[in-house]
Protein backbone atom coordinates (compact mmCIF):
# COMPACT_ATOMS: atom_id res chain seq x y z
CA MET A 1 3.51 -12.04 31.93
CA ASP A 2 7.07 -12.71 30.76
CA PHE A 3 7.33 -13.55 27.07
CA ASP A 4 9.93 -15.52 25.20
CA TYR A 5 10.76 -13.06 22.43
CA ASP A 6 12.23 -15.77 20.22
CA SER A 7 8.77 -17.37 20.25
CA LEU A 8 7.15 -14.03 19.45
CA VAL A 9 9.45 -13.68 16.44
CA VAL A 10 8.31 -17.12 15.30
CA LEU A 11 4.67 -16.06 15.75
CA SER A 12 5.25 -12.95 13.66
CA ALA A 13 6.91 -15.00 10.92
CA VAL A 14 3.95 -17.40 10.73
CA VAL A 15 1.45 -14.53 10.52
CA ARG A 16 3.42 -12.53 7.96
CA THR A 17 4.28 -15.47 5.69
CA GLY A 18 0.91 -17.19 6.09
CA SER A 19 2.18 -20.68 6.90
CA PHE A 20 4.33 -22.69 9.30
CA GLU A 21 6.40 -24.01 6.40
CA ALA A 22 7.19 -20.56 5.00
CA ALA A 23 7.99 -19.25 8.48
CA ALA A 24 10.43 -22.13 9.01
CA LYS A 25 12.20 -21.30 5.74
CA ARG A 26 12.44 -17.61 6.65
CA LEU A 27 13.84 -18.38 10.11
CA GLU A 28 16.03 -21.26 8.84
CA VAL A 29 14.62 -23.74 11.34
CA THR A 30 12.51 -26.87 11.03
CA GLN A 31 8.74 -26.72 10.67
CA SER A 32 8.50 -28.88 13.79
CA ALA A 33 10.43 -26.23 15.76
CA VAL A 34 8.01 -23.55 14.58
CA SER A 35 4.99 -25.64 15.59
CA GLN A 36 6.49 -26.32 19.01
CA ARG A 37 7.19 -22.62 19.64
CA ILE A 38 3.64 -21.64 18.71
CA LYS A 39 2.15 -24.40 20.86
CA GLN A 40 4.23 -23.37 23.90
CA LEU A 41 3.32 -19.71 23.39
CA GLU A 42 -0.40 -20.52 23.14
CA GLU A 43 -0.20 -22.61 26.30
CA LYS A 44 1.49 -19.76 28.14
CA VAL A 45 -0.96 -17.10 26.96
CA GLY A 46 -3.93 -19.40 27.45
CA SER A 47 -5.57 -18.75 24.09
CA ILE A 48 -5.33 -19.66 20.43
CA LEU A 49 -2.99 -17.27 18.61
CA ILE A 50 -3.06 -18.75 15.09
CA LEU A 51 -6.04 -19.96 13.10
CA ARG A 52 -4.55 -22.80 11.09
CA GLY A 53 -5.47 -22.71 7.43
CA ARG A 54 -4.33 -21.52 4.00
CA PRO A 55 -3.18 -18.98 4.87
CA CYS A 56 -2.68 -19.07 8.63
CA VAL A 57 -4.31 -16.03 10.22
CA ALA A 58 -3.68 -14.43 13.61
CA THR A 59 -6.45 -14.22 16.18
CA GLU A 60 -7.02 -10.92 17.94
CA ASP A 61 -4.64 -11.97 20.74
CA GLY A 62 -2.10 -13.20 18.22
CA LEU A 63 -2.17 -9.93 16.32
CA LEU A 64 -1.58 -7.97 19.52
CA LEU A 65 1.54 -10.03 20.20
CA VAL A 66 2.76 -9.62 16.60
CA GLN A 67 2.33 -5.85 16.82
CA HIS A 68 4.23 -5.83 20.12
CA VAL A 69 7.23 -7.83 18.91
CA GLU A 70 7.46 -5.78 15.69
CA GLN A 71 7.48 -2.55 17.70
CA VAL A 72 10.16 -3.99 19.98
CA THR A 73 12.18 -4.90 16.87
CA LEU A 74 11.98 -1.27 15.72
CA LEU A 75 13.23 -0.05 19.10
CA GLN A 76 16.07 -2.59 19.06
CA HIS A 77 17.08 -1.41 15.61
CA GLU A 78 17.08 2.22 16.74
CA LEU A 79 19.27 1.33 19.73
CA SER A 80 21.66 -0.53 17.43
CA GLU A 81 21.85 2.51 15.14
CA LEU A 82 22.57 4.74 18.14
CA LEU A 83 25.35 2.49 19.40
CA THR A 84 26.82 2.30 15.91
CA SER A 85 26.90 6.08 15.65
CA ARG A 86 28.87 6.16 18.93
CA GLY A 87 31.31 3.56 17.74
CA GLU A 88 30.12 0.97 20.25
CA ALA A 89 28.85 -1.61 17.77
CA ALA A 90 30.17 -3.17 14.60
CA GLY A 91 27.16 -2.17 12.54
CA ALA A 92 23.40 -2.04 12.64
CA ALA A 93 21.29 -4.62 10.84
CA THR A 94 18.47 -3.69 8.53
CA VAL A 95 14.90 -3.77 9.84
CA SER A 96 11.70 -4.51 7.96
CA LEU A 97 8.57 -2.41 8.33
CA ARG A 98 5.18 -3.44 6.94
CA ILE A 99 3.09 -0.75 5.23
CA ALA A 100 0.11 -0.62 2.85
CA VAL A 101 0.23 1.55 -0.28
CA ASN A 102 -2.18 1.94 -3.18
CA SER A 103 -1.06 0.43 -6.49
CA ASP A 104 -0.94 3.71 -8.44
CA SER A 105 1.37 5.29 -5.88
CA LEU A 106 3.57 2.19 -6.00
CA ALA A 107 3.84 2.54 -9.76
CA THR A 108 4.62 6.26 -9.78
CA TRP A 109 6.06 8.20 -6.85
CA PHE A 110 6.43 5.71 -3.97
CA PRO A 111 9.50 3.80 -5.26
CA SER A 112 11.48 6.96 -4.47
CA VAL A 113 10.36 6.55 -0.86
CA ILE A 114 11.54 2.94 -0.83
CA SER A 115 14.94 3.95 -2.24
CA ARG A 116 15.48 6.74 0.27
CA ALA A 117 14.29 4.63 3.20
CA ALA A 118 16.90 2.01 2.33
CA ASP A 119 19.71 4.53 1.89
CA GLU A 120 18.94 6.89 4.76
CA VAL A 121 17.31 4.71 7.43
CA ASN A 122 18.69 1.25 6.56
CA LEU A 123 15.06 0.19 6.27
CA ARG A 124 13.44 -2.57 4.26
CA LEU A 125 9.78 -1.98 3.46
CA GLU A 126 7.32 -4.84 3.15
CA VAL A 127 4.66 -3.17 1.01
CA ILE A 128 1.11 -4.50 0.82
CA PRO A 129 -0.65 -3.21 -2.31
CA ASP A 130 -4.31 -2.28 -1.95
CA ASP A 131 -6.82 0.27 -3.16
CA GLN A 132 -6.28 3.67 -1.52
CA GLU A 133 -9.84 3.49 -0.12
CA PHE A 134 -9.14 0.22 1.68
CA THR A 135 -5.60 0.49 3.05
CA GLU A 136 -7.19 1.94 6.21
CA GLU A 137 -8.40 -1.50 7.27
CA ARG A 138 -4.81 -2.77 7.11
CA LEU A 139 -3.86 -0.25 9.78
CA ARG A 140 -6.93 -0.83 11.95
CA SER A 141 -6.32 -4.58 11.96
CA GLY A 142 -2.62 -4.21 12.75
CA ASP A 143 -1.60 -5.74 9.42
CA ALA A 144 0.48 -2.61 8.71
CA LEU A 145 2.19 0.07 10.81
CA ALA A 146 1.60 2.84 8.28
CA ILE A 147 -0.49 3.40 5.14
CA VAL A 148 -1.09 5.65 2.18
CA THR A 149 -4.85 6.22 2.15
CA SER A 150 -7.47 8.45 0.54
CA THR A 151 -9.30 9.12 3.79
CA ASP A 152 -8.42 11.58 6.53
CA LYS A 153 -10.68 9.75 8.97
CA SER A 154 -9.22 9.66 12.47
CA ILE A 155 -8.00 6.24 13.61
CA PRO A 156 -7.41 5.69 17.34
CA GLY A 157 -3.73 5.47 18.20
CA CYS A 158 -2.65 6.89 14.85
CA GLN A 159 -1.61 10.20 13.33
CA THR A 160 -2.61 11.38 9.85
CA TYR A 161 -1.01 13.96 7.53
CA PRO A 162 -2.06 15.16 4.05
CA LEU A 163 0.32 14.29 1.22
CA GLY A 164 -1.32 16.07 -1.71
CA SER A 165 -3.39 14.53 -4.48
CA MET A 166 -3.04 12.34 -7.57
CA GLU A 167 -4.74 13.53 -10.74
CA TYR A 168 -6.61 10.89 -12.74
CA LEU A 169 -7.99 11.10 -16.26
CA ALA A 170 -9.96 8.75 -18.48
CA ILE A 171 -7.89 7.44 -21.37
CA ALA A 172 -8.10 5.03 -24.28
CA SER A 173 -6.25 4.30 -27.49
CA PRO A 174 -7.24 5.85 -30.83
CA GLU A 175 -7.88 2.32 -32.15
CA TYR A 176 -10.31 1.70 -29.27
CA ARG A 177 -12.12 4.95 -30.11
CA ASP A 178 -12.45 3.98 -33.74
CA ARG A 179 -13.92 0.61 -32.84
CA TYR A 180 -16.21 1.36 -29.90
CA LEU A 181 -16.87 5.10 -29.82
CA LYS A 182 -17.71 5.89 -33.44
CA ASP A 183 -21.05 7.37 -32.31
CA GLY A 184 -19.35 9.81 -29.96
CA ILE A 185 -18.02 9.86 -26.42
CA ASN A 186 -20.88 10.12 -23.96
CA LEU A 187 -22.34 8.33 -20.95
CA GLU A 188 -24.25 5.79 -23.02
CA THR A 189 -21.43 4.80 -25.38
CA LEU A 190 -18.90 4.52 -22.55
CA ALA A 191 -21.23 2.39 -20.44
CA MET A 192 -21.74 -0.05 -23.33
CA SER A 193 -18.07 -0.21 -24.28
CA PRO A 194 -15.45 -2.28 -22.40
CA SER A 195 -13.72 -0.55 -19.52
CA ILE A 196 -10.73 -1.60 -17.43
CA ARG A 197 -11.01 -1.65 -13.63
CA PHE A 198 -8.67 -2.96 -10.96
CA ASP A 199 -11.38 -4.89 -9.13
CA ARG A 200 -14.95 -4.51 -7.94
CA LYS A 201 -13.82 -2.08 -5.24
CA ASP A 202 -12.56 0.34 -7.90
CA THR A 203 -15.00 3.29 -7.84
CA LEU A 204 -12.79 5.76 -9.72
CA PRO A 205 -14.47 5.28 -13.14
CA ARG A 206 -17.86 6.01 -11.60
CA SER A 207 -16.51 9.18 -9.96
CA TRP A 208 -15.14 10.33 -13.30
CA LEU A 209 -18.41 9.66 -15.13
CA ILE A 210 -20.21 11.88 -12.63
CA GLU A 211 -17.55 14.56 -13.05
CA ALA A 212 -17.70 14.41 -16.85
CA PHE A 213 -21.40 13.81 -17.48
CA GLY A 214 -23.20 14.52 -14.20
CA ASP A 215 -24.34 10.91 -13.86
CA ALA A 216 -23.04 7.33 -13.90
CA LYS A 217 -24.17 4.00 -15.29
CA LYS A 218 -23.24 0.39 -14.70
CA LEU A 219 -20.08 -0.39 -16.64
CA SER A 220 -19.12 -3.40 -18.73
CA SER A 221 -15.68 -4.05 -17.26
CA HIS A 222 -12.62 -6.23 -17.48
CA PHE A 223 -11.04 -6.57 -14.02
CA VAL A 224 -7.26 -6.30 -14.29
CA PRO A 225 -5.69 -6.15 -10.79
CA SER A 226 -2.24 -5.01 -11.88
CA TYR A 227 -1.05 -1.51 -12.64
CA GLU A 228 1.27 -2.63 -15.42
CA ALA A 229 -1.37 -4.87 -17.02
CA HIS A 230 -3.90 -2.05 -16.60
CA LEU A 231 -1.79 0.25 -18.76
CA VAL A 232 -0.88 -2.45 -21.28
CA SER A 233 -4.56 -3.33 -21.66
CA CYS A 234 -5.29 0.26 -22.65
CA LEU A 235 -2.40 0.31 -25.11
CA GLU A 236 -3.70 -2.98 -26.57
CA HIS A 237 -7.10 -1.32 -27.26
CA ILE A 238 -8.97 -3.58 -24.80
CA GLY A 239 -10.82 -0.87 -22.88
CA TRP A 240 -10.91 2.66 -21.51
CA ALA A 241 -9.57 3.26 -18.01
CA MET A 242 -8.72 5.76 -15.31
CA MET A 243 -4.98 6.33 -14.92
CA PRO A 244 -2.75 8.84 -13.10
CA TYR A 245 -1.71 11.75 -15.31
CA GLU A 246 1.96 11.24 -14.44
CA ALA A 247 1.86 7.71 -15.81
CA VAL A 248 0.07 8.35 -19.11
CA ALA A 249 1.31 11.82 -20.11
CA PRO A 250 4.15 10.42 -22.29
CA HIS A 251 1.72 8.08 -24.06
CA ILE A 252 -0.70 10.94 -24.74
CA GLU A 253 2.08 13.12 -26.13
CA ALA A 254 3.18 10.26 -28.41
CA GLY A 255 -0.39 9.70 -29.65
CA ARG A 256 -0.66 6.17 -28.26
CA LEU A 257 -3.46 7.24 -25.89
CA PHE A 258 -5.87 10.15 -25.70
CA GLU A 259 -7.99 11.78 -23.00
CA LEU A 260 -11.64 10.82 -23.46
CA VAL A 261 -12.98 14.18 -22.27
CA PRO A 262 -10.28 16.86 -22.13
CA ASN A 263 -9.74 18.52 -18.76
CA LYS A 264 -12.36 16.39 -16.98
CA ARG A 265 -10.26 14.87 -14.26
CA VAL A 266 -10.59 13.50 -10.74
CA GLN A 267 -8.32 14.57 -7.92
CA ILE A 268 -7.79 11.85 -5.30
CA PRO A 269 -6.33 13.22 -2.05
CA LEU A 270 -3.77 11.03 -0.34
CA TYR A 271 -2.84 10.88 3.33
CA TRP A 272 -0.08 9.23 5.31
CA THR A 273 -1.31 7.56 8.49
CA SER A 274 1.00 5.80 10.93
CA ARG A 275 0.90 4.40 14.42
CA SER A 276 1.42 7.01 17.15
CA GLN A 277 4.36 5.34 18.81
CA SER A 278 7.70 6.63 19.95
CA SER A 279 9.74 5.42 16.99
CA ASN A 280 12.46 7.43 15.32
CA ILE A 281 12.30 5.07 12.35
CA LEU A 282 8.60 5.73 11.74
CA ASN A 283 9.23 9.45 12.15
CA LYS A 284 12.07 9.40 9.63
CA LEU A 285 10.02 7.35 7.19
CA SER A 286 7.12 9.78 7.53
CA GLN A 287 9.43 12.68 6.76
CA ILE A 288 10.77 10.91 3.66
CA VAL A 289 7.22 10.20 2.47
CA SER A 290 6.34 13.87 2.94
CA GLU A 291 9.39 15.14 1.07
CA VAL A 292 8.85 12.82 -1.90
CA ALA A 293 5.14 13.73 -1.99
CA GLN A 294 6.05 17.42 -2.11
CA GLU A 295 8.11 16.75 -5.23
CA ARG A 296 5.60 14.52 -7.02
CA LEU A 297 2.01 15.20 -5.88
CA GLU A 298 -0.35 18.08 -6.55
CA GLY A 299 -0.91 20.56 -3.73
CA ALA A 300 1.44 18.86 -1.27
CA GLN A 301 2.17 21.00 1.80
CA GLY A 302 4.53 18.78 3.73
CA ILE A 303 4.28 17.57 7.31
CA PRO A 304 6.09 18.84 10.41
CA GLU A 305 9.72 17.74 10.66
CA VAL A 306 9.16 16.38 14.15
CA ILE A 307 6.09 14.15 14.27
């Protein structure tokens, strides 16, 4: 089947922006033109490609076509870069690549990856934030081409490499301790006192309780789905929380925060998983991720230079 790649680009824009209107703005065309392209593409394929709604969501067939056109875009970008290096083109355009990264990595070491990817590969990253335990589903569904994840589980059509681990500790402010933990810091007092969690998928506090006390209890939690607000909430004495050591070390040294149980910490291993496709851009990005991880994460070994 011969595809109109302009229509596939329109399909990708609708899926990635979540609406026909937003896709039209991104592509600088009318919403009517977007609708017509999608309708013609669906008629040609013989199946529904977009489930209309808020947001619009790709069907299984639609997602396959989006993955295909995004991979073709990567290959076109690589060819443009090659021609530019040979002096046969005026200059290569930037290309966008969609990846999923956990919020704590985004707030600590991963911005260095974004900076290097822009400088060295002329790459723009569209980053989807998610819990490190759940970024895997982004890759399985085709919503992302690569992910930072806490699982080394094999995914068909993908390759996985260890990055090292992030060290988490339980912290709170001295004012919080004076108000809620006057009877001591133990499983019972912590379970009754307010805690801060990202969302209901956040199992890190439970893992720490087991590490520190050998057991866990149901927590009374505020759900604060933002890294910055998570930290501010701790500094404002709202609750105790699990945070990466790298992020809170300066606050501990300054006395604004303290470690609830000294040296009782949780190591969360991180892995880089990407689609196993012949793409120099993905390979270069993977190498950048590995090199930054070696500088910033515990126990990082690095990944092969050619992957």
